[in-house]
Amino acid sequence: MTNQIELSGVNKYYGAYHALKNIDLTIRKGAFVALVGPSGCGKSTLLRALAGLESISEGNLVIAGDRMNNVPPRKRDLAMVFQSYALYPHMTVEENLTYSLRIRGTKKAEAKKAADDVAAITGLSDLLHRYPRELSGGQRQRVAMSRAIIRNPKAFLFDEPLSNLDAALRVHMRKEIRALHDRLGATSVYVTHDQIEAMTMADHVVVMRQGVIEQ
């Protein structure tokens, strides 16, 4: 199995503050890796560095064999899923799903087929013509995941995507996300402060504290 994401000697400074300290981490293609730790441990900073939303001060980031240190986010071919869903409220579910394809020049019929295929996987087929305001929290999170899936990225980056949901729905969505990961053969990096969530979902759990990987 090949490596999909490799970080070596990665440091991140904000002025004098040392946020990430000599991070070495290898993530195999198809793995589900959870980054877990208390608030301020560096897990979200590390995820944002992978996405290109934060620059790396020192070290190397390699994704699918290519060095990515100075590559802008939109060219990294990664898909992020946030706790806030980040859906377009004035667009239907189908329009939310096809938007990224349309701006890349995908033909309308091809984009619609892609949306139909992804909706079938994520259980949204009957909701494609609804607007986000007409959906439950769990359904909105499914739309956010579907929008990531439709791009067929090199990896999925999840930033505490379930923290806005109630406890029962969180448990259900954990199973859904893990099942989707397995079905797609995806590579996933999942940030959470919840150790139970990390242990029940991930193949590998990376524990962070004060900018350091502890285990």
Protein backbone atom coordinates (compact mmCIF):
# COMPACT_ATOMS: atom_id res chain seq x y z
CA MET A 1 0.00 0.00 0.00
CA THR A 2 1.41 3.40 -0.99
CA ASN A 3 1.71 6.51 1.11
CA GLN A 4 -0.87 9.21 0.35
CA ILE A 5 0.25 11.92 2.78
CA GLU A 6 3.74 12.37 4.26
CA LEU A 7 4.83 15.09 6.67
CA SER A 8 8.49 15.27 7.68
CA GLY A 9 10.05 17.72 10.13
CA VAL A 10 7.05 20.06 9.88
CA ASN A 11 7.10 23.15 12.09
CA LYS A 12 4.63 26.02 12.26
CA TYR A 13 5.36 29.34 13.98
CA TYR A 14 3.07 32.28 14.66
CA GLY A 15 5.69 34.86 15.53
CA ALA A 16 7.40 33.47 18.63
CA TYR A 17 4.67 30.88 19.25
CA HIS A 18 5.66 27.36 18.14
CA ALA A 19 2.33 25.77 17.12
CA LEU A 20 3.58 22.57 15.42
CA LYS A 21 6.84 20.99 16.56
CA ASN A 22 8.80 18.65 14.29
CA ILE A 23 5.78 16.74 13.01
CA ASP A 24 6.57 13.43 11.29
CA LEU A 25 3.49 11.57 10.05
CA THR A 26 2.83 9.09 7.25
CA ILE A 27 -0.72 8.27 6.15
CA ARG A 28 -1.23 5.29 3.87
CA LYS A 29 -3.59 5.41 0.92
CA GLY A 30 -7.02 4.23 2.05
CA ALA A 31 -6.36 4.84 5.76
CA PHE A 32 -8.70 6.61 8.18
CA VAL A 33 -6.55 8.60 10.61
CA ALA A 34 -7.94 10.58 13.54
CA LEU A 35 -6.08 13.54 15.06
CA VAL A 36 -7.20 13.84 18.67
CA GLY A 37 -6.25 16.08 21.57
CA PRO A 38 -7.45 18.96 23.73
CA SER A 39 -8.17 22.47 22.45
CA GLY A 40 -4.96 24.20 21.40
CA CYS A 41 -2.98 20.98 20.87
CA GLY A 42 -2.32 21.75 17.19
CA LYS A 43 -4.64 19.22 15.55
CA SER A 44 -6.69 21.79 13.60
CA THR A 45 -3.53 23.72 12.68
CA LEU A 46 -2.09 20.51 11.26
CA LEU A 47 -5.26 19.83 9.25
CA ARG A 48 -5.26 23.40 7.91
CA ALA A 49 -1.60 23.01 6.94
CA LEU A 50 -2.50 19.89 4.96
CA ALA A 51 -5.28 21.82 3.22
CA GLY A 52 -3.02 24.78 2.44
CA LEU A 53 -5.03 27.16 4.62
CA GLU A 54 -1.94 27.59 6.84
CA SER A 55 1.62 27.81 5.53
CA ILE A 56 4.35 25.49 6.79
CA SER A 57 7.28 27.30 8.40
CA GLU A 58 9.74 24.39 8.08
CA GLY A 59 9.72 20.82 6.81
CA ASN A 60 8.04 19.03 3.92
CA LEU A 61 4.50 18.02 2.99
CA VAL A 62 4.10 15.41 0.23
CA ILE A 63 0.67 14.36 -1.11
CA ALA A 64 0.42 11.47 -3.59
CA GLY A 65 4.14 11.79 -4.32
CA ASP A 66 4.18 15.55 -4.96
CA ARG A 67 5.70 18.18 -2.66
CA MET A 68 2.90 20.55 -1.67
CA ASN A 69 4.49 23.16 0.61
CA ASN A 70 3.76 26.14 -1.63
CA VAL A 71 0.88 24.76 -3.69
CA PRO A 72 -2.36 26.77 -3.23
CA PRO A 73 -5.34 25.00 -1.61
CA ARG A 74 -7.42 24.70 -4.78
CA LYS A 75 -4.60 22.81 -6.53
CA ARG A 76 -4.03 20.24 -3.76
CA ASP A 77 -7.05 18.14 -4.72
CA LEU A 78 -8.23 17.74 -1.12
CA ALA A 79 -11.80 18.10 0.16
CA MET A 80 -12.62 19.57 3.57
CA VAL A 81 -15.77 18.94 5.60
CA PHE A 82 -16.43 21.43 8.41
CA GLN A 83 -18.79 21.44 11.39
CA SER A 84 -20.56 24.48 9.89
CA TYR A 85 -21.57 22.60 6.68
CA ALA A 86 -20.68 25.65 4.52
CA LEU A 87 -23.62 25.11 2.16
CA TYR A 88 -24.98 27.76 -0.21
CA PRO A 89 -28.43 28.60 1.28
CA HIS A 90 -29.87 29.93 -1.99
CA MET A 91 -29.04 26.74 -3.91
CA THR A 92 -30.84 23.39 -3.89
CA VAL A 93 -29.03 20.26 -2.73
CA GLU A 94 -28.34 19.32 -6.35
CA GLU A 95 -26.97 22.80 -7.12
CA ASN A 96 -24.75 22.64 -4.02
CA LEU A 97 -23.37 19.30 -5.21
CA THR A 98 -22.75 20.30 -8.82
CA TYR A 99 -21.37 23.80 -8.16
CA SER A 100 -17.70 22.79 -7.90
CA LEU A 101 -17.99 20.70 -11.06
CA ARG A 102 -19.70 23.45 -13.05
CA ILE A 103 -17.06 26.06 -12.20
CA ARG A 104 -14.44 23.59 -13.44
CA GLY A 105 -16.24 23.42 -16.78
CA THR A 106 -18.04 20.08 -16.41
CA LYS A 107 -21.02 19.76 -18.75
CA LYS A 108 -24.44 20.13 -17.13
CA ALA A 109 -25.61 16.58 -17.91
CA GLU A 110 -22.35 15.08 -16.66
CA ALA A 111 -22.51 17.13 -13.44
CA LYS A 112 -26.12 16.06 -12.87
CA LYS A 113 -25.22 12.39 -13.29
CA ALA A 114 -22.37 12.80 -10.80
CA ALA A 115 -24.78 14.42 -8.32
CA ASP A 116 -27.31 11.60 -8.80
CA ASP A 117 -24.61 8.96 -8.25
CA VAL A 118 -23.28 10.59 -5.07
CA ALA A 119 -26.79 11.23 -3.74
CA ALA A 120 -27.56 7.53 -4.15
CA ILE A 121 -24.49 6.67 -2.05
CA THR A 122 -25.29 9.18 0.71
CA GLY A 123 -29.06 8.70 0.84
CA LEU A 124 -29.98 12.11 -0.59
CA SER A 125 -31.75 11.06 -3.79
CA ASP A 126 -35.16 12.23 -2.54
CA LEU A 127 -33.78 15.55 -1.28
CA LEU A 128 -31.99 16.91 -4.35
CA HIS A 129 -34.56 19.66 -4.98
CA ARG A 130 -34.74 20.89 -1.40
CA TYR A 131 -32.90 23.88 0.04
CA PRO A 132 -30.57 23.64 3.07
CA ARG A 133 -33.14 25.39 5.31
CA GLU A 134 -35.54 22.50 4.64
CA LEU A 135 -33.08 19.86 5.90
CA SER A 136 -32.22 18.48 9.33
CA GLY A 137 -28.72 18.85 10.78
CA GLY A 138 -27.83 15.30 9.81
CA GLN A 139 -29.10 15.81 6.27
CA ARG A 140 -27.11 19.04 5.91
CA GLN A 141 -23.98 17.24 7.07
CA ARG A 142 -24.65 14.56 4.46
CA VAL A 143 -24.87 17.25 1.78
CA ALA A 144 -21.54 18.68 2.95
CA MET A 145 -19.96 15.21 2.72
CA SER A 146 -21.55 14.61 -0.68
CA ARG A 147 -20.12 17.86 -1.97
CA ALA A 148 -16.68 16.65 -0.91
CA ILE A 149 -17.19 13.18 -2.42
CA ILE A 150 -18.31 14.48 -5.82
CA ARG A 151 -14.88 16.04 -6.35
CA ASN A 152 -13.19 12.60 -6.05
CA PRO A 153 -10.27 14.12 -4.10
CA LYS A 154 -6.94 12.58 -3.10
CA ALA A 155 -8.02 12.78 0.56
CA PHE A 156 -10.86 13.96 2.77
CA LEU A 157 -10.11 16.33 5.64
CA PHE A 158 -12.75 16.41 8.39
CA ASP A 159 -12.60 19.27 10.92
CA GLU A 160 -14.82 18.21 13.86
CA PRO A 161 -17.76 17.75 11.45
CA LEU A 162 -20.19 16.32 14.03
CA SER A 163 -19.71 18.73 16.93
CA ASN A 164 -22.92 20.67 16.14
CA LEU A 165 -25.12 17.54 16.24
CA ASP A 166 -26.87 15.99 19.22
CA ALA A 167 -25.39 12.86 20.84
CA ALA A 168 -27.65 10.28 19.19
CA LEU A 169 -27.17 11.75 15.72
CA ARG A 170 -23.40 11.96 16.27
CA VAL A 171 -23.25 8.21 16.92
CA HIS A 172 -25.28 7.54 13.76
CA MET A 173 -23.18 9.88 11.60
CA ARG A 174 -19.92 8.32 12.85
CA LYS A 175 -21.07 5.03 11.38
CA GLU A 176 -22.17 6.73 8.16
CA ILE A 177 -18.85 8.52 7.66
CA ARG A 178 -16.84 5.36 8.32
CA ALA A 179 -19.06 3.30 5.98
CA LEU A 180 -18.65 5.92 3.25
CA HIS A 181 -14.89 5.92 3.74
CA ASP A 182 -14.77 2.13 3.30
CA ARG A 183 -17.14 2.15 0.34
CA LEU A 184 -15.13 4.80 -1.51
CA GLY A 185 -11.70 3.38 -0.60
CA ALA A 186 -10.88 6.92 0.48
CA THR A 187 -8.03 8.41 2.50
CA SER A 188 -9.41 10.39 5.44
CA VAL A 189 -7.92 12.64 8.12
CA TYR A 190 -10.39 13.38 10.90
CA VAL A 191 -9.91 15.99 13.64
CA THR A 192 -11.80 15.52 16.90
CA HIS A 193 -11.42 16.26 20.61
CA ASP A 194 -13.53 13.17 21.39
CA GLN A 195 -11.35 10.12 22.11
CA ILE A 196 -14.29 7.71 21.83
CA GLU A 197 -15.15 9.15 18.41
CA ALA A 198 -11.53 8.77 17.32
CA MET A 199 -11.21 5.19 18.55
CA THR A 200 -14.52 3.99 17.09
CA MET A 201 -13.94 5.49 13.63
CA ALA A 202 -10.23 5.43 12.85
CA ASP A 203 -7.68 2.82 11.76
CA HIS A 204 -4.99 4.91 13.45
CA VAL A 205 -5.32 7.49 16.22
CA VAL A 206 -2.72 10.27 16.42
CA VAL A 207 -2.69 11.90 19.87
CA MET A 208 -1.43 15.48 19.97
CA ARG A 209 -0.49 17.78 22.84
CA GLN A 210 1.08 21.24 22.73
CA GLY A 211 2.01 20.93 19.05
CA VAL A 212 3.66 17.52 19.41
CA ILE A 213 2.55 14.05 18.31
CA GLU A 214 2.58 11.96 21.48
CA GLN A 215 1.64 8.61 19.96
